[in-house]
């Protein structure tokens, strides 16, 4: 089944993919960017649509039943990439805070966007594993250290960091607001904010 794309009704859509280790700050950053974009729209009354496709929510609903093998992780990323591109092609600015540990999976999503002519921005939230393990928002690093969990990205499963992301954020060196401002500046430069 081939997707058909209608022109965006309000604003220019695009996908902002935020990749990084667990507890790097991807979701926090995505929510801050979304809030900034929505605040701008409230002032301008343009009605831009902004959505956050959170990796945990996608796993629960769209990718339920998938495990964490390389193949299942690739499938999960492709599903998210498809939904993001579909929304973006209809004028939605989509923020995607998803680990997406493998370079080939992220590249496939980028190519899909390019084939459809849909803007795509990759942001690497490059928080070191030592900082992520201290943050440990979901307790994953503690479970891995206790032997209760295997396959933790960046610890005992690979994370292939982007070599040339559109933007690299070192969240341990700046506030969430500063990080969000850096992404916002890039989106403005690209005509997406």
C-alpha atoms as a PDB file:
ATOM      1  CA  UNK A   1       0.000   0.000   0.000  1.00  0.00           C
ATOM      2  CA  UNK A   2       1.501   3.290  -1.065  1.00  0.00           C
ATOM      3  CA  UNK A   3       1.034   6.395   1.073  1.00  0.00           C
ATOM      4  CA  UNK A   4      -0.243   9.495  -0.635  1.00  0.00           C
ATOM      5  CA  UNK A   5       0.919  12.852   0.563  1.00  0.00           C
ATOM      6  CA  UNK A   6      -1.190  15.953   0.714  1.00  0.00           C
ATOM      7  CA  UNK A   7       0.456  19.355   0.886  1.00  0.00           C
ATOM      8  CA  UNK A   8       0.761  20.741   4.406  1.00  0.00           C
ATOM      9  CA  UNK A   9      -2.159  22.930   5.398  1.00  0.00           C
ATOM     10  CA  UNK A  10      -0.356  25.067   7.981  1.00  0.00           C
ATOM     11  CA  UNK A  11       3.389  25.511   8.288  1.00  0.00           C
ATOM     12  CA  UNK A  12       6.141  23.294   6.994  1.00  0.00           C
ATOM     13  CA  UNK A  13       6.412  19.826   8.408  1.00  0.00           C
ATOM     14  CA  UNK A  14       9.573  17.916   9.129  1.00  0.00           C
ATOM     15  CA  UNK A  15      11.093  15.313  11.404  1.00  0.00           C
ATOM     16  CA  UNK A  16      13.582  16.057  14.158  1.00  0.00           C
ATOM     17  CA  UNK A  17      15.140  12.760  15.246  1.00  0.00           C
ATOM     18  CA  UNK A  18      16.837  12.931  18.651  1.00  0.00           C
ATOM     19  CA  UNK A  19      19.126   9.931  19.125  1.00  0.00           C
ATOM     20  CA  UNK A  20      21.266   9.068  22.122  1.00  0.00           C
ATOM     21  CA  UNK A  21      21.772   6.634  24.966  1.00  0.00           C
ATOM     22  CA  UNK A  22      19.081   5.753  27.524  1.00  0.00           C
ATOM     23  CA  UNK A  23      18.708   8.664  30.006  1.00  0.00           C
ATOM     24  CA  UNK A  24      20.628  11.025  27.694  1.00  0.00           C
ATOM     25  CA  UNK A  25      17.813  13.594  27.914  1.00  0.00           C
ATOM     26  CA  UNK A  26      16.156  13.007  24.525  1.00  0.00           C
ATOM     27  CA  UNK A  27      12.535  13.060  25.724  1.00  0.00           C
ATOM     28  CA  UNK A  28      13.106  15.988  28.078  1.00  0.00           C
ATOM     29  CA  UNK A  29      14.677  17.945  25.234  1.00  0.00           C
ATOM     30  CA  UNK A  30      11.902  17.003  22.789  1.00  0.00           C
ATOM     31  CA  UNK A  31       9.225  18.201  25.226  1.00  0.00           C
ATOM     32  CA  UNK A  32      11.096  21.486  25.773  1.00  0.00           C
ATOM     33  CA  UNK A  33      11.391  22.087  22.024  1.00  0.00           C
ATOM     34  CA  UNK A  34       7.709  21.238  21.517  1.00  0.00           C
ATOM     35  CA  UNK A  35       6.730  23.685  24.265  1.00  0.00           C
ATOM     36  CA  UNK A  36       8.826  26.430  22.666  1.00  0.00           C
ATOM     37  CA  UNK A  37       7.306  25.814  19.229  1.00  0.00           C
ATOM     38  CA  UNK A  38       3.771  25.726  20.628  1.00  0.00           C
ATOM     39  CA  UNK A  39       4.383  28.959  22.560  1.00  0.00           C
ATOM     40  CA  UNK A  40       5.508  30.637  19.335  1.00  0.00           C
ATOM     41  CA  UNK A  41       2.373  29.436  17.601  1.00  0.00           C
ATOM     42  CA  UNK A  42       0.139  30.718  20.387  1.00  0.00           C
ATOM     43  CA  UNK A  43       1.645  34.177  19.899  1.00  0.00           C
ATOM     44  CA  UNK A  44       1.376  34.057  16.111  1.00  0.00           C
ATOM     45  CA  UNK A  45      -1.943  32.140  15.995  1.00  0.00           C
ATOM     46  CA  UNK A  46      -0.727  30.137  12.999  1.00  0.00           C
ATOM     47  CA  UNK A  47      -1.816  26.787  14.363  1.00  0.00           C
ATOM     48  CA  UNK A  48       1.388  24.834  13.632  1.00  0.00           C
ATOM     49  CA  UNK A  49       1.030  21.229  14.578  1.00  0.00           C
ATOM     50  CA  UNK A  50       3.794  19.702  16.697  1.00  0.00           C
ATOM     51  CA  UNK A  51       3.891  16.078  17.837  1.00  0.00           C
ATOM     52  CA  UNK A  52       6.326  14.126  19.989  1.00  0.00           C
ATOM     53  CA  UNK A  53       6.644  10.432  19.085  1.00  0.00           C
ATOM     54  CA  UNK A  54       8.165   9.109  22.288  1.00  0.00           C
ATOM     55  CA  UNK A  55      10.048   5.829  21.938  1.00  0.00           C
ATOM     56  CA  UNK A  56       8.527   4.275  25.070  1.00  0.00           C
ATOM     57  CA  UNK A  57       4.979   5.043  23.945  1.00  0.00           C
ATOM     58  CA  UNK A  58       5.665   3.688  20.458  1.00  0.00           C
ATOM     59  CA  UNK A  59       7.070   0.484  21.959  1.00  0.00           C
ATOM     60  CA  UNK A  60       3.911   0.071  24.033  1.00  0.00           C
ATOM     61  CA  UNK A  61       1.395   0.684  21.260  1.00  0.00           C
ATOM     62  CA  UNK A  62       2.853   0.500  17.740  1.00  0.00           C
ATOM     63  CA  UNK A  63       5.674  -1.951  18.362  1.00  0.00           C
ATOM     64  CA  UNK A  64       4.180  -4.098  21.109  1.00  0.00           C
ATOM     65  CA  UNK A  65       5.563  -7.595  20.879  1.00  0.00           C
ATOM     66  CA  UNK A  66       8.942  -6.587  19.510  1.00  0.00           C
ATOM     67  CA  UNK A  67      11.977  -7.514  21.553  1.00  0.00           C
ATOM     68  CA  UNK A  68      15.398  -5.931  21.641  1.00  0.00           C
ATOM     69  CA  UNK A  69      17.280  -7.998  19.084  1.00  0.00           C
ATOM     70  CA  UNK A  70      19.038  -6.044  16.350  1.00  0.00           C
ATOM     71  CA  UNK A  71      16.280  -7.027  13.894  1.00  0.00           C
ATOM     72  CA  UNK A  72      13.465  -5.987  16.264  1.00  0.00           C
ATOM     73  CA  UNK A  73      15.179  -2.686  17.074  1.00  0.00           C
ATOM     74  CA  UNK A  74      15.548  -2.028  13.328  1.00  0.00           C
ATOM     75  CA  UNK A  75      11.855  -2.821  12.759  1.00  0.00           C
ATOM     76  CA  UNK A  76      10.861  -0.504  15.606  1.00  0.00           C
ATOM     77  CA  UNK A  77      12.928   2.368  14.181  1.00  0.00           C
ATOM     78  CA  UNK A  78      11.488   1.843  10.686  1.00  0.00           C
ATOM     79  CA  UNK A  79       7.929   1.911  12.039  1.00  0.00           C
ATOM     80  CA  UNK A  80       8.600   5.125  13.903  1.00  0.00           C
ATOM     81  CA  UNK A  81      10.332   6.594  10.842  1.00  0.00           C
ATOM     82  CA  UNK A  82       7.337   5.753   8.648  1.00  0.00           C
ATOM     83  CA  UNK A  83       4.866   7.415  11.029  1.00  0.00           C
ATOM     84  CA  UNK A  84       7.135  10.445  11.490  1.00  0.00           C
ATOM     85  CA  UNK A  85       7.536  10.953   7.738  1.00  0.00           C
ATOM     86  CA  UNK A  86       3.811  10.517   7.139  1.00  0.00           C
ATOM     87  CA  UNK A  87       2.942  13.133   9.756  1.00  0.00           C
ATOM     88  CA  UNK A  88       5.709  15.470   8.582  1.00  0.00           C
ATOM     89  CA  UNK A  89       4.540  15.218   4.972  1.00  0.00           C
ATOM     90  CA  UNK A  90       1.190  16.582   6.152  1.00  0.00           C
ATOM     91  CA  UNK A  91       2.670  19.684   7.777  1.00  0.00           C
ATOM     92  CA  UNK A  92       3.360  18.370  11.281  1.00  0.00           C
ATOM     93  CA  UNK A  93       6.714  19.079  12.917  1.00  0.00           C
ATOM     94  CA  UNK A  94       7.518  15.713  14.495  1.00  0.00           C
ATOM     95  CA  UNK A  95      10.003  15.362  17.343  1.00  0.00           C
ATOM     96  CA  UNK A  96      11.275  11.792  17.729  1.00  0.00           C
ATOM     97  CA  UNK A  97      13.255  11.086  20.925  1.00  0.00           C
ATOM     98  CA  UNK A  98      14.283   7.489  20.201  1.00  0.00           C
ATOM     99  CA  UNK A  99      17.574   5.714  20.931  1.00  0.00           C
ATOM    100  CA  UNK A 100      17.820   4.187  17.421  1.00  0.00           C
ATOM    101  CA  UNK A 101      21.183   2.587  18.221  1.00  0.00           C
ATOM    102  CA  UNK A 102      22.197   1.468  14.727  1.00  0.00           C
ATOM    103  CA  UNK A 103      23.498   3.796  12.031  1.00  0.00           C
ATOM    104  CA  UNK A 104      21.943   1.777   9.192  1.00  0.00           C
ATOM    105  CA  UNK A 105      18.474   2.035  10.760  1.00  0.00           C
ATOM    106  CA  UNK A 106      18.751   5.810  11.130  1.00  0.00           C
ATOM    107  CA  UNK A 107      20.124   6.103   7.591  1.00  0.00           C
ATOM    108  CA  UNK A 108      17.120   4.169   6.230  1.00  0.00           C
ATOM    109  CA  UNK A 109      14.790   6.657   7.947  1.00  0.00           C
ATOM    110  CA  UNK A 110      16.777   9.606   6.556  1.00  0.00           C
ATOM    111  CA  UNK A 111      16.608   8.102   3.028  1.00  0.00           C
ATOM    112  CA  UNK A 112      12.852   7.576   3.303  1.00  0.00           C
ATOM    113  CA  UNK A 113      12.441  11.259   4.157  1.00  0.00           C
ATOM    114  CA  UNK A 114      14.730  12.285   1.286  1.00  0.00           C
ATOM    115  CA  UNK A 115      12.817  10.114  -1.196  1.00  0.00           C
ATOM    116  CA  UNK A 116       9.574  11.782  -0.159  1.00  0.00           C
ATOM    117  CA  UNK A 117      11.094  15.281  -0.105  1.00  0.00           C
ATOM    118  CA  UNK A 118      10.343  15.627   3.613  1.00  0.00           C
ATOM    119  CA  UNK A 119      12.747  17.659   5.786  1.00  0.00           C
ATOM    120  CA  UNK A 120      14.728  15.578   8.272  1.00  0.00           C
ATOM    121  CA  UNK A 121      17.076  16.757  11.016  1.00  0.00           C
ATOM    122  CA  UNK A 122      19.205  14.423  13.131  1.00  0.00           C
ATOM    123  CA  UNK A 123      20.200  15.607  16.592  1.00  0.00           C
ATOM    124  CA  UNK A 124      22.662  13.522  18.587  1.00  0.00           C
ATOM    125  CA  UNK A 125      22.090  13.989  22.301  1.00  0.00           C
ATOM    126  CA  UNK A 126      25.676  12.991  23.076  1.00  0.00           C
ATOM    127  CA  UNK A 127      25.492  12.514  26.818  1.00  0.00           C
ATOM    128  CA  UNK A 128      28.293  10.190  28.039  1.00  0.00           C
ATOM    129  CA  UNK A 129      27.249   6.813  29.448  1.00  0.00           C
ATOM    130  CA  UNK A 130      28.736   7.788  32.842  1.00  0.00           C
ATOM    131  CA  UNK A 131      26.320  10.735  33.078  1.00  0.00           C
ATOM    132  CA  UNK A 132      23.380   8.672  31.778  1.00  0.00           C
ATOM    133  CA  UNK A 133      24.019   5.975  34.382  1.00  0.00           C
ATOM    134  CA  UNK A 134      23.896   8.587  37.151  1.00  0.00           C
ATOM    135  CA  UNK A 135      20.648  10.040  35.789  1.00  0.00           C
ATOM    136  CA  UNK A 136      19.239   6.517  35.250  1.00  0.00           C
ATOM    137  CA  UNK A 137      15.696   7.811  34.813  1.00  0.00           C
ATOM    138  CA  UNK A 138      14.188   4.335  34.366  1.00  0.00           C
ATOM    139  CA  UNK A 139      16.574   2.350  36.567  1.00  0.00           C
ATOM    140  CA  UNK A 140      17.983   0.479  33.560  1.00  0.00           C
ATOM    141  CA  UNK A 141      21.647   1.012  34.396  1.00  0.00           C
ATOM    142  CA  UNK A 142      21.083  -0.186  37.975  1.00  0.00           C
ATOM    143  CA  UNK A 143      19.288  -3.313  36.704  1.00  0.00           C
ATOM    144  CA  UNK A 144      22.103  -4.000  34.241  1.00  0.00           C
ATOM    145  CA  UNK A 145      24.745  -3.571  36.963  1.00  0.00           C
ATOM    146  CA  UNK A 146      22.793  -5.957  39.200  1.00  0.00           C
ATOM    147  CA  UNK A 147      22.647  -8.572  36.437  1.00  0.00           C
ATOM    148  CA  UNK A 148      18.863  -8.233  36.066  1.00  0.00           C
ATOM    149  CA  UNK A 149      19.036  -6.820  32.534  1.00  0.00           C
ATOM    150  CA  UNK A 150      21.140  -7.540  29.473  1.00  0.00           C
ATOM    151  CA  UNK A 151      21.293  -5.786  26.120  1.00  0.00           C
ATOM    152  CA  UNK A 152      21.413  -2.248  27.514  1.00  0.00           C
ATOM    153  CA  UNK A 153      22.324   0.105  24.711  1.00  0.00           C
ATOM    154  CA  UNK A 154      25.730   1.657  25.218  1.00  0.00           C
ATOM    155  CA  UNK A 155      26.715  -0.783  27.968  1.00  0.00           C
ATOM    156  CA  UNK A 156      26.472  -4.377  26.763  1.00  0.00           C
ATOM    157  CA  UNK A 157      24.758  -3.702  23.443  1.00  0.00           C
ATOM    158  CA  UNK A 158      26.215  -1.336  20.838  1.00  0.00           C
ATOM    159  CA  UNK A 159      25.269   2.265  20.232  1.00  0.00           C
ATOM    160  CA  UNK A 160      26.591   3.571  16.931  1.00  0.00           C
ATOM    161  CA  UNK A 161      26.836   7.321  17.476  1.00  0.00           C
ATOM    162  CA  UNK A 162      26.096   9.464  14.428  1.00  0.00           C
ATOM    163  CA  UNK A 163      29.288  10.564  12.693  1.00  0.00           C
ATOM    164  CA  UNK A 164      27.800  13.690  11.117  1.00  0.00           C
ATOM    165  CA  UNK A 165      24.530  14.647  12.812  1.00  0.00           C
ATOM    166  CA  UNK A 166      22.949  17.954  11.907  1.00  0.00           C
ATOM    167  CA  UNK A 167      23.498  18.989  15.528  1.00  0.00           C
ATOM    168  CA  UNK A 168      25.292  17.448  18.495  1.00  0.00           C
ATOM    169  CA  UNK A 169      24.053  18.375  21.972  1.00  0.00           C
ATOM    170  CA  UNK A 170      26.189  17.675  25.043  1.00  0.00           C
ATOM    171  CA  UNK A 171      23.409  17.897  27.596  1.00  0.00           C
ATOM    172  CA  UNK A 172      25.767  17.461  30.536  1.00  0.00           C
ATOM    173  CA  UNK A 173      27.358  20.831  29.681  1.00  0.00           C
ATOM    174  CA  UNK A 174      24.244  22.972  29.294  1.00  0.00           C
ATOM    175  CA  UNK A 175      20.732  23.377  30.613  1.00  0.00           C
ATOM    176  CA  UNK A 176      17.661  21.890  28.935  1.00  0.00           C
ATOM    177  CA  UNK A 177      16.696  25.426  27.899  1.00  0.00           C
ATOM    178  CA  UNK A 178      20.091  26.027  26.279  1.00  0.00           C
ATOM    179  CA  UNK A 179      19.887  22.692  24.474  1.00  0.00           C
ATOM    180  CA  UNK A 180      16.355  23.434  23.269  1.00  0.00           C
ATOM    181  CA  UNK A 181      17.486  26.867  22.074  1.00  0.00           C
ATOM    182  CA  UNK A 182      20.288  25.294  20.019  1.00  0.00           C
ATOM    183  CA  UNK A 183      17.805  22.948  18.321  1.00  0.00           C
ATOM    184  CA  UNK A 184      15.338  25.806  17.829  1.00  0.00           C
ATOM    185  CA  UNK A 185      18.069  27.885  16.156  1.00  0.00           C
ATOM    186  CA  UNK A 186      18.813  25.026  13.745  1.00  0.00           C
ATOM    187  CA  UNK A 187      15.110  24.598  12.961  1.00  0.00           C
ATOM    188  CA  UNK A 188      14.826  28.337  12.310  1.00  0.00           C
ATOM    189  CA  UNK A 189      17.845  28.176   9.990  1.00  0.00           C
ATOM    190  CA  UNK A 190      16.202  25.280   8.095  1.00  0.00           C
ATOM    191  CA  UNK A 191      12.867  27.087   7.826  1.00  0.00           C
ATOM    192  CA  UNK A 192      11.114  24.666  10.177  1.00  0.00           C
ATOM    193  CA  UNK A 193      10.499  26.987  13.152  1.00  0.00           C
END
